[in-house]
């Protein structure tokens, strides 16, 4: 039974790795965002292939039930992912604010240029 679970775990981890690579290849996922996913897939593959390594690290950290160490890793992964996306969203929010201000300034300048042209063309007609 353990062999089947290990095979499923390895196949699932490889599946995540392949899906991430395919998303990068099709330009659906940027490389800088994919690093966290690729690192996670590699860690999952390592722990899927080496169950004693999982037990050793869990025991070293004082975790008595090694599968709970995987849950700890999942929580850490999610926290890193959330932090990363929070910084990206903050940066994009600042860029969006700056761009909207620049568009507003350009719109005002365009309106002034349009009024200036209209007043020049509507002046007294020359004979």
N, C-alpha and C. Protein backbone atom coordinates (compact mmCIF):
# COMPACT_ATOMS: atom_id res chain seq x y z
N UNK A 1 0.82 -1.20 0.00
CA UNK A 1 0.00 0.00 0.00
C UNK A 1 0.87 1.26 0.00
N UNK A 2 1.97 1.23 0.76
CA UNK A 2 2.86 2.40 0.80
C UNK A 2 3.45 2.70 -0.57
N UNK A 3 3.73 1.63 -1.33
CA UNK A 3 4.30 1.82 -2.67
C UNK A 3 3.35 2.54 -3.59
N UNK A 4 2.07 2.23 -3.49
CA UNK A 4 1.07 2.89 -4.33
C UNK A 4 0.94 4.36 -3.96
N UNK A 5 0.94 4.64 -2.66
CA UNK A 5 0.84 6.03 -2.20
C UNK A 5 2.06 6.82 -2.66
N UNK A 6 3.24 6.19 -2.60
CA UNK A 6 4.46 6.88 -3.03
C UNK A 6 4.41 7.16 -4.53
N UNK A 7 3.94 6.20 -5.31
CA UNK A 7 3.84 6.40 -6.76
C UNK A 7 2.85 7.53 -7.07
N UNK A 8 1.71 7.54 -6.38
CA UNK A 8 0.73 8.61 -6.59
C UNK A 8 1.31 9.97 -6.21
N UNK A 9 2.05 10.00 -5.10
CA UNK A 9 2.66 11.26 -4.66
C UNK A 9 3.69 11.76 -5.67
N UNK A 10 4.52 10.85 -6.18
CA UNK A 10 5.53 11.24 -7.18
C UNK A 10 4.85 11.71 -8.46
N UNK A 11 3.84 10.98 -8.92
CA UNK A 11 3.13 11.37 -10.15
C UNK A 11 2.42 12.72 -9.97
N UNK A 12 1.82 12.93 -8.81
CA UNK A 12 1.17 14.21 -8.55
C UNK A 12 2.17 15.36 -8.54
N UNK A 13 3.31 15.15 -7.91
CA UNK A 13 4.35 16.18 -7.85
C UNK A 13 4.91 16.46 -9.24
N UNK A 14 5.16 15.41 -10.00
CA UNK A 14 5.64 15.59 -11.37
C UNK A 14 4.58 16.29 -12.22
N UNK A 15 3.32 15.97 -11.95
CA UNK A 15 2.22 16.62 -12.67
C UNK A 15 2.22 18.12 -12.43
N UNK A 16 2.40 18.52 -11.18
CA UNK A 16 2.46 19.96 -10.86
C UNK A 16 3.63 20.60 -11.60
N UNK A 17 4.78 19.94 -11.57
CA UNK A 17 5.98 20.46 -12.23
C UNK A 17 5.74 20.63 -13.73
N UNK A 18 5.16 19.63 -14.35
CA UNK A 18 4.91 19.67 -15.81
C UNK A 18 3.88 20.74 -16.15
N UNK A 19 2.83 20.86 -15.34
CA UNK A 19 1.81 21.89 -15.60
C UNK A 19 2.43 23.28 -15.51
N UNK A 20 3.27 23.52 -14.52
CA UNK A 20 3.92 24.83 -14.38
C UNK A 20 4.81 25.12 -15.58
N UNK A 21 5.60 24.14 -16.00
CA UNK A 21 6.46 24.31 -17.18
C UNK A 21 5.62 24.61 -18.42
N UNK A 22 4.52 23.92 -18.58
CA UNK A 22 3.64 24.13 -19.73
C UNK A 22 3.00 25.52 -19.68
N UNK A 23 2.61 25.97 -18.51
CA UNK A 23 2.05 27.32 -18.38
C UNK A 23 3.09 28.39 -18.73
N UNK A 24 4.32 28.15 -18.35
CA UNK A 24 5.39 29.08 -18.71
C UNK A 24 5.60 29.07 -20.22
N UNK A 25 5.62 27.89 -20.79
CA UNK A 25 5.86 27.75 -22.23
C UNK A 25 4.78 28.44 -23.05
N UNK A 26 3.55 28.40 -22.59
CA UNK A 26 2.44 29.02 -23.32
C UNK A 26 2.22 30.48 -22.93
N UNK A 27 3.11 31.03 -22.14
CA UNK A 27 3.04 32.42 -21.67
C UNK A 27 1.78 32.70 -20.85
N UNK A 28 1.27 31.71 -20.14
CA UNK A 28 0.15 31.92 -19.22
C UNK A 28 0.65 32.23 -17.81
N UNK A 29 1.93 31.98 -17.57
CA UNK A 29 2.53 32.21 -16.27
C UNK A 29 3.92 32.80 -16.48
N UNK A 30 4.15 33.94 -15.86
CA UNK A 30 5.46 34.58 -15.98
C UNK A 30 6.51 33.79 -15.20
N UNK A 31 7.74 33.86 -15.68
CA UNK A 31 8.82 33.11 -15.05
C UNK A 31 9.03 33.51 -13.60
N UNK A 32 8.92 34.78 -13.31
CA UNK A 32 9.20 35.23 -11.94
C UNK A 32 8.15 34.72 -10.96
N UNK A 33 6.93 34.48 -11.43
CA UNK A 33 5.90 33.92 -10.55
C UNK A 33 5.99 32.40 -10.46
N UNK A 34 6.61 31.80 -11.43
CA UNK A 34 6.66 30.35 -11.48
C UNK A 34 7.73 29.76 -10.56
N UNK A 35 8.68 30.56 -10.13
CA UNK A 35 9.77 30.03 -9.30
C UNK A 35 9.26 29.41 -8.01
N UNK A 36 8.28 30.03 -7.39
CA UNK A 36 7.74 29.48 -6.14
C UNK A 36 7.08 28.13 -6.42
N UNK A 37 6.33 28.05 -7.53
CA UNK A 37 5.65 26.80 -7.87
C UNK A 37 6.65 25.71 -8.23
N UNK A 38 7.68 26.06 -8.98
CA UNK A 38 8.69 25.06 -9.36
C UNK A 38 9.44 24.55 -8.13
N UNK A 39 9.79 25.47 -7.24
CA UNK A 39 10.49 25.06 -6.01
C UNK A 39 9.61 24.13 -5.17
N UNK A 40 8.34 24.45 -5.09
CA UNK A 40 7.42 23.60 -4.34
C UNK A 40 7.30 22.22 -4.96
N UNK A 41 7.20 22.17 -6.28
CA UNK A 41 7.10 20.87 -6.97
C UNK A 41 8.36 20.04 -6.73
N UNK A 42 9.52 20.68 -6.78
CA UNK A 42 10.78 19.95 -6.54
C UNK A 42 10.82 19.42 -5.11
N UNK A 43 10.43 20.23 -4.14
CA UNK A 43 10.41 19.78 -2.75
C UNK A 43 9.45 18.60 -2.59
N UNK A 44 8.28 18.69 -3.20
CA UNK A 44 7.32 17.59 -3.14
C UNK A 44 7.87 16.32 -3.78
N UNK A 45 8.55 16.47 -4.89
CA UNK A 45 9.16 15.30 -5.56
C UNK A 45 10.21 14.66 -4.64
N UNK A 46 11.05 15.49 -4.04
CA UNK A 46 12.09 14.97 -3.14
C UNK A 46 11.48 14.22 -1.97
N UNK A 47 10.48 14.83 -1.33
CA UNK A 47 9.85 14.15 -0.19
C UNK A 47 9.04 12.93 -0.61
N UNK A 48 8.51 12.94 -1.83
CA UNK A 48 7.77 11.77 -2.32
C UNK A 48 8.71 10.60 -2.58
N UNK A 49 9.91 10.90 -3.07
CA UNK A 49 10.87 9.85 -3.38
C UNK A 49 11.61 9.35 -2.14
N UNK A 50 11.81 10.22 -1.16
CA UNK A 50 12.61 9.87 0.01
C UNK A 50 11.79 10.03 1.28
N UNK A 51 11.03 9.02 1.59
CA UNK A 51 10.21 9.06 2.80
C UNK A 51 11.08 9.14 4.07
N UNK A 52 12.24 8.45 4.13
CA UNK A 52 13.09 8.58 5.32
C UNK A 52 13.56 10.01 5.55
N UNK A 53 13.79 10.77 4.47
CA UNK A 53 14.18 12.17 4.61
C UNK A 53 13.07 12.97 5.28
N UNK A 54 11.83 12.71 4.88
CA UNK A 54 10.68 13.36 5.50
C UNK A 54 10.62 13.04 6.99
N UNK A 55 10.81 11.77 7.34
CA UNK A 55 10.77 11.35 8.74
C UNK A 55 11.91 11.98 9.55
N UNK A 56 13.10 12.02 8.94
CA UNK A 56 14.27 12.58 9.63
C UNK A 56 14.09 14.06 9.92
N UNK A 57 13.65 14.82 8.91
CA UNK A 57 13.47 16.26 9.10
C UNK A 57 12.36 16.52 10.11
N UNK A 58 11.27 15.77 10.01
CA UNK A 58 10.16 15.94 10.95
C UNK A 58 10.62 15.65 12.37
N UNK A 59 11.37 14.58 12.55
CA UNK A 59 11.87 14.22 13.88
C UNK A 59 12.82 15.30 14.40
N UNK A 60 13.68 15.82 13.53
CA UNK A 60 14.64 16.86 13.91
C UNK A 60 13.91 18.12 14.38
N UNK A 61 12.78 18.43 13.74
CA UNK A 61 12.00 19.62 14.10
C UNK A 61 11.06 19.37 15.27
N UNK A 62 11.03 18.13 15.76
CA UNK A 62 10.17 17.81 16.90
C UNK A 62 8.73 17.52 16.51
N UNK A 63 8.52 17.18 15.25
CA UNK A 63 7.19 16.84 14.77
C UNK A 63 7.07 15.33 14.82
N UNK A 64 6.12 14.85 15.59
CA UNK A 64 6.03 13.41 15.83
C UNK A 64 5.27 12.67 14.74
N UNK A 65 4.44 13.35 14.00
CA UNK A 65 3.69 12.73 12.91
C UNK A 65 4.19 13.34 11.60
N UNK A 66 5.10 12.67 10.87
CA UNK A 66 5.76 13.25 9.70
C UNK A 66 4.81 13.84 8.64
N UNK A 67 3.65 13.25 8.35
CA UNK A 67 2.78 13.91 7.36
C UNK A 67 2.33 15.32 7.77
N UNK A 68 2.30 15.59 9.06
CA UNK A 68 1.94 16.95 9.48
C UNK A 68 3.04 17.95 9.09
N UNK A 69 4.26 17.45 8.92
CA UNK A 69 5.34 18.31 8.42
C UNK A 69 5.02 18.79 7.01
N UNK A 70 4.40 17.93 6.21
CA UNK A 70 3.98 18.34 4.86
C UNK A 70 2.94 19.45 4.93
N UNK A 71 2.03 19.37 5.90
CA UNK A 71 1.05 20.43 6.08
C UNK A 71 1.73 21.73 6.50
N UNK A 72 2.75 21.63 7.34
CA UNK A 72 3.51 22.81 7.73
C UNK A 72 4.17 23.43 6.49
N UNK A 73 4.76 22.60 5.64
CA UNK A 73 5.37 23.11 4.41
C UNK A 73 4.32 23.76 3.52
N UNK A 74 3.12 23.18 3.45
CA UNK A 74 2.06 23.76 2.63
C UNK A 74 1.65 25.13 3.16
N UNK A 75 1.55 25.27 4.47
CA UNK A 75 1.20 26.56 5.07
C UNK A 75 2.29 27.59 4.80
N UNK A 76 3.55 27.18 4.95
CA UNK A 76 4.66 28.09 4.66
C UNK A 76 4.64 28.51 3.19
N UNK A 77 4.39 27.55 2.29
CA UNK A 77 4.30 27.85 0.87
C UNK A 77 3.20 28.88 0.61
N UNK A 78 2.04 28.68 1.21
CA UNK A 78 0.93 29.61 1.00
C UNK A 78 1.24 30.99 1.56
N UNK A 79 1.92 31.05 2.70
CA UNK A 79 2.29 32.34 3.26
C UNK A 79 3.29 33.07 2.37
N UNK A 80 4.27 32.34 1.83
CA UNK A 80 5.24 32.95 0.91
C UNK A 80 4.53 33.43 -0.34
N UNK A 81 3.62 32.63 -0.86
CA UNK A 81 2.87 33.00 -2.05
C UNK A 81 2.02 34.24 -1.80
N UNK A 82 1.34 34.28 -0.66
CA UNK A 82 0.53 35.45 -0.33
C UNK A 82 1.38 36.70 -0.16
N UNK A 83 2.53 36.58 0.48
CA UNK A 83 3.42 37.72 0.64
C UNK A 83 3.91 38.21 -0.72
N UNK A 84 4.30 37.28 -1.56
CA UNK A 84 4.78 37.64 -2.90
C UNK A 84 3.70 38.38 -3.68
N UNK A 85 2.49 37.84 -3.69
CA UNK A 85 1.42 38.48 -4.44
C UNK A 85 0.99 39.80 -3.81
N UNK A 86 1.12 39.93 -2.51
CA UNK A 86 0.81 41.21 -1.86
C UNK A 86 1.78 42.29 -2.33
N UNK A 87 3.06 41.94 -2.44
CA UNK A 87 4.03 42.92 -2.92
C UNK A 87 3.77 43.27 -4.39
N UNK A 88 3.41 42.28 -5.19
CA UNK A 88 3.11 42.53 -6.61
C UNK A 88 1.88 43.43 -6.73
N UNK A 89 0.84 43.14 -5.95
CA UNK A 89 -0.38 43.94 -6.00
C UNK A 89 -0.10 45.37 -5.54
N UNK A 90 0.71 45.54 -4.51
CA UNK A 90 1.06 46.88 -4.04
C UNK A 90 1.78 47.66 -5.13
N UNK A 91 2.71 47.02 -5.79
CA UNK A 91 3.45 47.67 -6.87
C UNK A 91 2.52 48.04 -8.02
N UNK A 92 1.64 47.12 -8.40
CA UNK A 92 0.71 47.39 -9.49
C UNK A 92 -0.28 48.50 -9.12
N UNK A 93 -0.67 48.55 -7.86
CA UNK A 93 -1.58 49.61 -7.40
C UNK A 93 -0.90 50.98 -7.53
N UNK A 94 0.36 51.05 -7.14
CA UNK A 94 1.10 52.31 -7.27
C UNK A 94 1.25 52.70 -8.74
N UNK A 95 1.55 51.74 -9.59
CA UNK A 95 1.69 52.02 -11.03
C UNK A 95 0.36 52.48 -11.61
N UNK A 96 -0.72 51.84 -11.21
CA UNK A 96 -2.05 52.20 -11.70
C UNK A 96 -2.41 53.62 -11.29
N UNK A 97 -2.11 53.98 -10.05
CA UNK A 97 -2.39 55.34 -9.58
C UNK A 97 -1.60 56.36 -10.38
N UNK A 98 -0.31 56.08 -10.58
CA UNK A 98 0.54 57.00 -11.32
C UNK A 98 0.07 57.13 -12.77
N UNK A 99 -0.30 56.00 -13.39
CA UNK A 99 -0.76 56.06 -14.77
C UNK A 99 -2.07 56.82 -14.91
N UNK A 100 -2.98 56.64 -13.97
CA UNK A 100 -4.25 57.37 -14.05
C UNK A 100 -4.03 58.87 -13.86
N UNK A 101 -3.08 59.25 -13.02
CA UNK A 101 -2.76 60.66 -12.86
C UNK A 101 -2.16 61.23 -14.15
N UNK A 102 -1.27 60.45 -14.78
CA UNK A 102 -0.67 60.90 -16.04
C UNK A 102 -1.72 61.02 -17.14
N UNK A 103 -2.65 60.08 -17.19
CA UNK A 103 -3.72 60.15 -18.19
C UNK A 103 -4.58 61.39 -17.95
N UNK A 104 -4.88 61.70 -16.69
CA UNK A 104 -5.65 62.90 -16.35
C UNK A 104 -4.94 64.17 -16.80
N UNK A 105 -3.64 64.24 -16.56
CA UNK A 105 -2.85 65.41 -16.97
C UNK A 105 -2.85 65.52 -18.49
N UNK A 106 -2.65 64.41 -19.18
CA UNK A 106 -2.65 64.44 -20.64
C UNK A 106 -4.01 64.83 -21.20
N UNK A 107 -5.08 64.40 -20.57
CA UNK A 107 -6.42 64.75 -21.01
C UNK A 107 -6.66 66.24 -20.86
N UNK A 108 -6.22 66.82 -19.74
CA UNK A 108 -6.36 68.27 -19.54
C UNK A 108 -5.58 69.03 -20.60
N UNK A 109 -4.34 68.59 -20.88
CA UNK A 109 -3.53 69.25 -21.91
C UNK A 109 -4.18 69.14 -23.29
N UNK A 110 -4.75 67.98 -23.59
CA UNK A 110 -5.41 67.79 -24.88
C UNK A 110 -6.64 68.68 -24.99
N UNK A 111 -7.40 68.79 -23.90
CA UNK A 111 -8.57 69.68 -23.91
C UNK A 111 -8.14 71.12 -24.13
N UNK A 112 -7.07 71.55 -23.47
CA UNK A 112 -6.58 72.93 -23.64
C UNK A 112 -6.10 73.16 -25.07
N UNK A 113 -5.42 72.16 -25.65
CA UNK A 113 -4.96 72.31 -27.04
C UNK A 113 -6.14 72.39 -27.99
N UNK A 114 -7.17 71.60 -27.73
CA UNK A 114 -8.37 71.64 -28.57
C UNK A 114 -9.06 72.98 -28.49
N UNK A 115 -9.17 73.56 -27.29
CA UNK A 115 -9.79 74.87 -27.12
C UNK A 115 -8.96 75.95 -27.78
N UNK A 116 -7.62 75.80 -27.70
CA UNK A 116 -6.73 76.77 -28.32
C UNK A 116 -6.87 76.75 -29.83
N UNK A 117 -6.95 75.58 -30.42
CA UNK A 117 -7.13 75.46 -31.86
C UNK A 117 -8.48 76.02 -32.29
N UNK A 118 -9.51 75.75 -31.53
CA UNK A 118 -10.86 76.22 -31.85
C UNK A 118 -10.91 77.73 -31.82
N UNK A 119 -10.25 78.34 -30.85
CA UNK A 119 -10.28 79.80 -30.76
C UNK A 119 -9.47 80.44 -31.87
N UNK A 120 -8.43 79.79 -32.36
CA UNK A 120 -7.62 80.33 -33.46
C UNK A 120 -8.40 80.25 -34.77
N UNK A 121 -9.14 79.20 -34.99
CA UNK A 121 -9.90 79.03 -36.24
C UNK A 121 -11.19 79.83 -36.25
N UNK A 122 -11.72 80.20 -35.10
CA UNK A 122 -12.98 80.92 -35.06
C UNK A 122 -12.76 82.43 -34.97
N UNK A 123 -11.53 82.87 -35.17
CA UNK A 123 -11.21 84.30 -35.11
C UNK A 123 -11.81 85.02 -36.32
N UNK A 124 -11.55 86.35 -36.45
CA UNK A 124 -12.11 87.14 -37.56
C UNK A 124 -11.63 86.61 -38.90
N UNK A 125 -12.54 86.55 -39.85
CA UNK A 125 -12.22 86.05 -41.19
C UNK A 125 -11.49 87.11 -41.97
N UNK A 126 -10.49 86.67 -42.71
CA UNK A 126 -9.70 87.62 -43.52
C UNK A 126 -10.34 87.72 -44.90
N UNK A 127 -10.32 88.92 -45.48
CA UNK A 127 -10.92 89.14 -46.81
C UNK A 127 -9.95 88.96 -47.89
